[in-house]
Amino acid sequence: MIITLGTASAEPQLIPYSADYILNKSGLAIAEGRFKLKQNSTGNYTYESRSTPVSVVSWFRSDEILEQTTWSVSDSHVTPSFYRYEHTGIDDEKMIHVSFDYDAERVTTRVNSAPWSMELEAGMQDKMSVQMALQLALMAGERGRFEYRVADGGTPKTFSFLYQGEEVIKTPLGKFHTLRVKRENDKRGTTMWFAPELNYIPVRVEQKKKGMNLLIKKLKGLPLPDSKSGS
């Protein structure tokens, strides 16, 4: 469900791209992430990120985190089909796969091969496709409070976001005019800055707890068009 304060403009168009981010924790660069949005020949999308340690952290760790969601768009609505999270290269490897079965109206989650299922609610997202749904809503000119039901763990959860206005922020690439959005009732205090001139991708993401920065994700290179088809 999307609660808006305005009317939507023309239907937004997503552009496949590849972009690199640097992740900082307590002022230290801890990882690099490559984010890709791909579209295959049938029109379906895949959005994925791969993160690996950098700097001093890489001396002690060589793990990789892959997060990926596959989905389609109809009338500006995101419809996910499959989500996966894989943390490899560590002793306690973790794999989460979430499948959306629209015929059976069920969502099946597997954590390290242990499955369970829940009812598939209308408009339900996964933890990654919810960002794409939010991005599309902003692209369409919608503002205000946004609410999405998300398949996260054993029960559906409600992710709420509040549009906080426009802001010009500095990045390693210069200044960008952005739309600031904060997730509500979030223990990590997540705030995102979306840049309209870069097809509304986030150029900065912050997570805070009790006013202190936990994690900052910053765009470190301009996004490049990705002409390759997704799988």
Protein backbone atom coordinates (compact mmCIF):
# COMPACT_ATOMS: atom_id res chain seq x y z
CA MET A 1 0.00 0.00 0.00
CA ILE A 2 1.24 3.50 -0.82
CA ILE A 3 -0.06 6.57 1.02
CA THR A 4 0.71 9.70 -1.00
CA LEU A 5 0.31 13.44 -0.77
CA GLY A 6 0.26 14.08 -4.50
CA THR A 7 -0.67 12.61 -7.84
CA ALA A 8 1.50 10.39 -9.97
CA SER A 9 3.06 11.57 -13.21
CA ALA A 10 3.78 9.54 -16.35
CA GLU A 11 4.70 5.89 -15.80
CA PRO A 12 8.40 5.68 -14.84
CA GLN A 13 10.94 3.75 -16.88
CA LEU A 14 13.73 1.77 -15.21
CA ILE A 15 17.15 1.82 -16.87
CA PRO A 16 19.55 -1.12 -16.31
CA TYR A 17 22.81 0.00 -14.73
CA SER A 18 25.86 -1.00 -12.72
CA ALA A 19 27.19 1.10 -9.82
CA ASP A 20 29.84 0.75 -7.11
CA TYR A 21 29.44 1.79 -3.48
CA ILE A 22 31.77 2.00 -0.51
CA LEU A 23 30.49 0.94 2.91
CA ASN A 24 31.86 2.71 5.99
CA LYS A 25 31.43 1.78 9.65
CA SER A 26 32.63 4.12 12.42
CA GLY A 27 34.64 6.06 9.83
CA LEU A 28 36.41 2.97 8.46
CA ALA A 29 35.87 1.60 4.95
CA ILE A 30 34.84 -2.02 5.54
CA ALA A 31 33.46 -3.23 2.21
CA GLU A 32 32.80 -2.45 -1.42
CA GLY A 33 29.53 -3.28 -3.09
CA ARG A 34 28.61 -3.57 -6.76
CA PHE A 35 24.92 -3.10 -7.51
CA LYS A 36 23.37 -4.11 -10.83
CA LEU A 37 19.93 -3.72 -12.32
CA LYS A 38 19.44 -6.03 -15.32
CA GLN A 39 16.51 -6.76 -17.63
CA ASN A 40 16.12 -9.95 -19.66
CA SER A 41 14.47 -10.57 -23.02
CA THR A 42 11.05 -11.23 -21.42
CA GLY A 43 11.07 -7.86 -19.68
CA ASN A 44 11.69 -9.19 -16.17
CA TYR A 45 14.26 -7.49 -13.93
CA THR A 46 17.03 -8.70 -11.63
CA TYR A 47 18.54 -6.40 -9.01
CA GLU A 48 21.60 -7.68 -7.18
CA SER A 49 24.46 -6.63 -4.96
CA ARG A 50 27.80 -8.28 -4.22
CA SER A 51 29.81 -7.06 -1.23
CA THR A 52 33.40 -7.95 -0.30
CA PRO A 53 35.67 -6.68 2.50
CA VAL A 54 38.27 -3.97 1.81
CA SER A 55 41.08 -2.20 3.63
CA VAL A 56 42.23 -3.67 6.96
CA VAL A 57 39.07 -5.76 7.19
CA SER A 58 40.15 -7.79 4.15
CA TRP A 59 43.24 -8.96 6.08
CA PHE A 60 41.00 -11.00 8.37
CA ARG A 61 38.01 -11.80 6.16
CA SER A 62 37.51 -12.92 2.56
CA ASP A 63 33.79 -13.58 2.59
CA GLU A 64 31.22 -12.40 0.06
CA ILE A 65 27.58 -11.39 0.42
CA LEU A 66 25.25 -11.80 -2.54
CA GLU A 67 21.73 -10.40 -2.40
CA GLN A 68 19.42 -10.66 -5.38
CA THR A 69 15.77 -10.20 -6.28
CA THR A 70 13.97 -11.09 -9.53
CA TRP A 71 10.75 -9.28 -10.36
CA SER A 72 8.48 -7.81 -13.03
CA VAL A 73 6.67 -4.48 -13.37
CA SER A 74 3.03 -4.01 -14.31
CA ASP A 75 1.31 -0.62 -14.08
CA SER A 76 4.30 0.63 -12.04
CA HIS A 77 3.82 -2.14 -9.45
CA VAL A 78 6.74 -4.43 -8.56
CA THR A 79 5.89 -8.14 -8.48
CA PRO A 80 8.76 -10.24 -7.07
CA SER A 81 9.24 -13.88 -8.00
CA PHE A 82 12.43 -14.93 -6.22
CA TYR A 83 14.83 -13.51 -3.61
CA ARG A 84 18.11 -14.90 -2.39
CA TYR A 85 20.71 -13.91 0.20
CA GLU A 86 23.97 -15.87 0.36
CA HIS A 87 26.80 -15.16 2.79
CA THR A 88 29.72 -17.40 1.80
CA GLY A 89 33.39 -17.73 2.70
CA ILE A 90 32.76 -18.01 6.45
CA ASP A 91 32.43 -21.00 8.78
CA ASP A 92 28.75 -20.40 9.41
CA GLU A 93 27.56 -19.83 5.85
CA LYS A 94 24.00 -18.59 5.48
CA MET A 95 21.64 -18.98 2.55
CA ILE A 96 18.09 -17.60 2.38
CA HIS A 97 15.86 -18.27 -0.63
CA VAL A 98 12.32 -16.85 -0.90
CA SER A 99 9.95 -18.04 -3.66
CA PHE A 100 6.65 -16.35 -4.57
CA ASP A 101 3.95 -18.72 -5.94
CA TYR A 102 1.07 -16.58 -7.18
CA ASP A 103 -1.05 -19.55 -8.30
CA ALA A 104 -0.94 -21.18 -4.85
CA GLU A 105 -0.89 -17.77 -3.10
CA ARG A 106 2.03 -18.87 -0.92
CA VAL A 107 5.52 -17.60 -0.13
CA THR A 108 8.11 -20.25 0.68
CA THR A 109 11.26 -19.33 2.60
CA ARG A 110 14.27 -21.61 2.91
CA VAL A 111 17.06 -20.83 5.37
CA ASN A 112 19.96 -23.24 4.83
CA SER A 113 17.45 -25.69 3.25
CA ALA A 114 14.93 -25.56 6.15
CA PRO A 115 11.62 -24.44 4.50
CA TRP A 116 8.45 -22.81 5.76
CA SER A 117 5.65 -21.00 3.98
CA MET A 118 3.21 -18.15 4.57
CA GLU A 119 0.22 -16.65 2.82
CA LEU A 120 1.09 -14.49 -0.17
CA GLU A 121 -0.61 -11.15 0.37
CA ALA A 122 -1.48 -8.75 -2.45
CA GLY A 123 1.42 -6.45 -3.27
CA MET A 124 3.87 -8.31 -1.01
CA GLN A 125 7.58 -7.58 -1.53
CA ASP A 126 10.87 -9.15 -0.47
CA LYS A 127 13.55 -7.29 1.50
CA MET A 128 15.28 -6.09 -1.66
CA SER A 129 12.41 -5.52 -4.11
CA VAL A 130 10.82 -3.13 -1.60
CA GLN A 131 13.55 -0.61 -2.46
CA MET A 132 12.69 -0.92 -6.14
CA ALA A 133 9.00 -0.40 -5.37
CA LEU A 134 9.88 2.72 -3.39
CA GLN A 135 12.16 3.98 -6.16
CA LEU A 136 9.41 3.55 -8.76
CA ALA A 137 6.92 5.38 -6.57
CA LEU A 138 9.28 8.34 -6.22
CA MET A 139 9.95 8.33 -9.95
CA ALA A 140 6.20 8.52 -10.55
CA GLY A 141 6.00 11.68 -8.46
CA GLU A 142 4.44 10.14 -5.35
CA ARG A 143 5.31 11.70 -2.00
CA GLY A 144 4.27 11.19 1.62
CA ARG A 145 4.24 7.91 3.56
CA PHE A 146 4.81 4.57 1.86
CA GLU A 147 3.87 1.21 3.37
CA TYR A 148 4.71 -2.23 2.00
CA ARG A 149 4.08 -5.75 3.26
CA VAL A 150 7.34 -7.70 3.13
CA ALA A 151 8.07 -11.43 3.34
CA ASP A 152 10.80 -11.30 5.98
CA GLY A 153 11.30 -14.33 8.19
CA GLY A 154 8.41 -16.49 9.32
CA THR A 155 5.72 -13.80 9.27
CA PRO A 156 4.91 -10.84 6.99
CA LYS A 157 6.16 -7.46 8.21
CA THR A 158 5.17 -3.90 7.36
CA PHE A 159 7.96 -1.64 6.12
CA SER A 160 7.01 2.05 6.42
CA PHE A 161 8.91 4.93 4.81
CA LEU A 162 8.41 8.68 5.14
CA TYR A 163 9.37 11.21 2.48
CA GLN A 164 11.21 14.02 4.28
CA GLY A 165 11.76 16.49 1.44
CA GLU A 166 14.45 17.58 -0.97
CA GLU A 167 18.09 17.97 0.00
CA VAL A 168 21.36 18.76 -1.75
CA ILE A 169 24.12 16.50 -0.43
CA LYS A 170 27.84 16.21 -1.07
CA THR A 171 29.33 12.96 -2.31
CA PRO A 172 32.79 11.96 -3.55
CA LEU A 173 31.36 12.63 -7.02
CA GLY A 174 30.12 16.13 -6.23
CA LYS A 175 26.77 17.56 -5.17
CA PHE A 176 23.43 15.96 -6.00
CA HIS A 177 19.87 17.15 -5.60
CA THR A 178 18.13 14.30 -3.77
CA LEU A 179 14.87 13.14 -2.24
CA ARG A 180 15.34 12.12 1.39
CA VAL A 181 13.34 9.12 2.67
CA LYS A 182 13.53 7.65 6.18
CA ARG A 183 12.31 4.24 7.24
CA GLU A 184 10.00 4.44 10.24
CA ASN A 185 10.05 2.14 13.29
CA ASP A 186 13.43 0.84 12.18
CA LYS A 187 15.99 -0.15 14.83
CA ARG A 188 18.79 0.71 12.41
CA GLY A 189 17.45 4.21 11.70
CA THR A 190 17.80 3.84 7.93
CA THR A 191 17.73 7.00 5.77
CA MET A 192 18.15 7.02 1.97
CA TRP A 193 18.88 9.82 -0.48
CA PHE A 194 17.58 9.20 -4.04
CA ALA A 195 19.01 11.26 -6.94
CA PRO A 196 16.49 12.07 -9.71
CA GLU A 197 19.29 12.91 -12.17
CA LEU A 198 20.62 9.33 -11.76
CA ASN A 199 17.24 7.69 -12.43
CA TYR A 200 16.40 7.91 -8.71
CA ILE A 201 19.03 5.47 -7.49
CA PRO A 202 20.22 6.10 -3.89
CA VAL A 203 23.53 7.96 -3.70
CA ARG A 204 23.76 7.60 0.07
CA VAL A 205 22.28 5.29 2.72
CA GLU A 206 22.80 5.79 6.45
CA GLN A 207 21.98 3.60 9.40
CA LYS A 208 22.08 5.07 12.89
CA LYS A 209 21.38 3.92 16.43
CA LYS A 210 20.97 6.42 19.28
CA GLY A 211 22.30 9.16 17.00
CA MET A 212 25.54 7.32 16.18
CA ASN A 213 26.42 6.13 12.67
CA LEU A 214 26.34 2.36 12.30
CA LEU A 215 26.86 2.13 8.55
CA ILE A 216 27.11 4.54 5.64
CA LYS A 217 26.84 3.41 2.02
CA LYS A 218 28.06 6.00 -0.51
CA LEU A 219 28.10 5.94 -4.28
CA LYS A 220 31.80 5.95 -5.29
CA GLY A 221 31.43 5.97 -9.08
CA LEU A 222 28.85 7.19 -11.54
CA PRO A 223 26.44 4.41 -12.56
CA LEU A 224 27.10 2.92 -15.98
CA PRO A 225 24.45 1.61 -18.39
CA ASP A 226 24.22 -2.18 -18.30
CA SER A 227 23.27 -3.48 -21.72
CA LYS A 228 23.63 -7.17 -20.88
CA SER A 229 20.48 -9.22 -20.41
CA GLY A 230 19.73 -10.73 -17.04
CA SER A 231 19.29 -14.43 -16.53
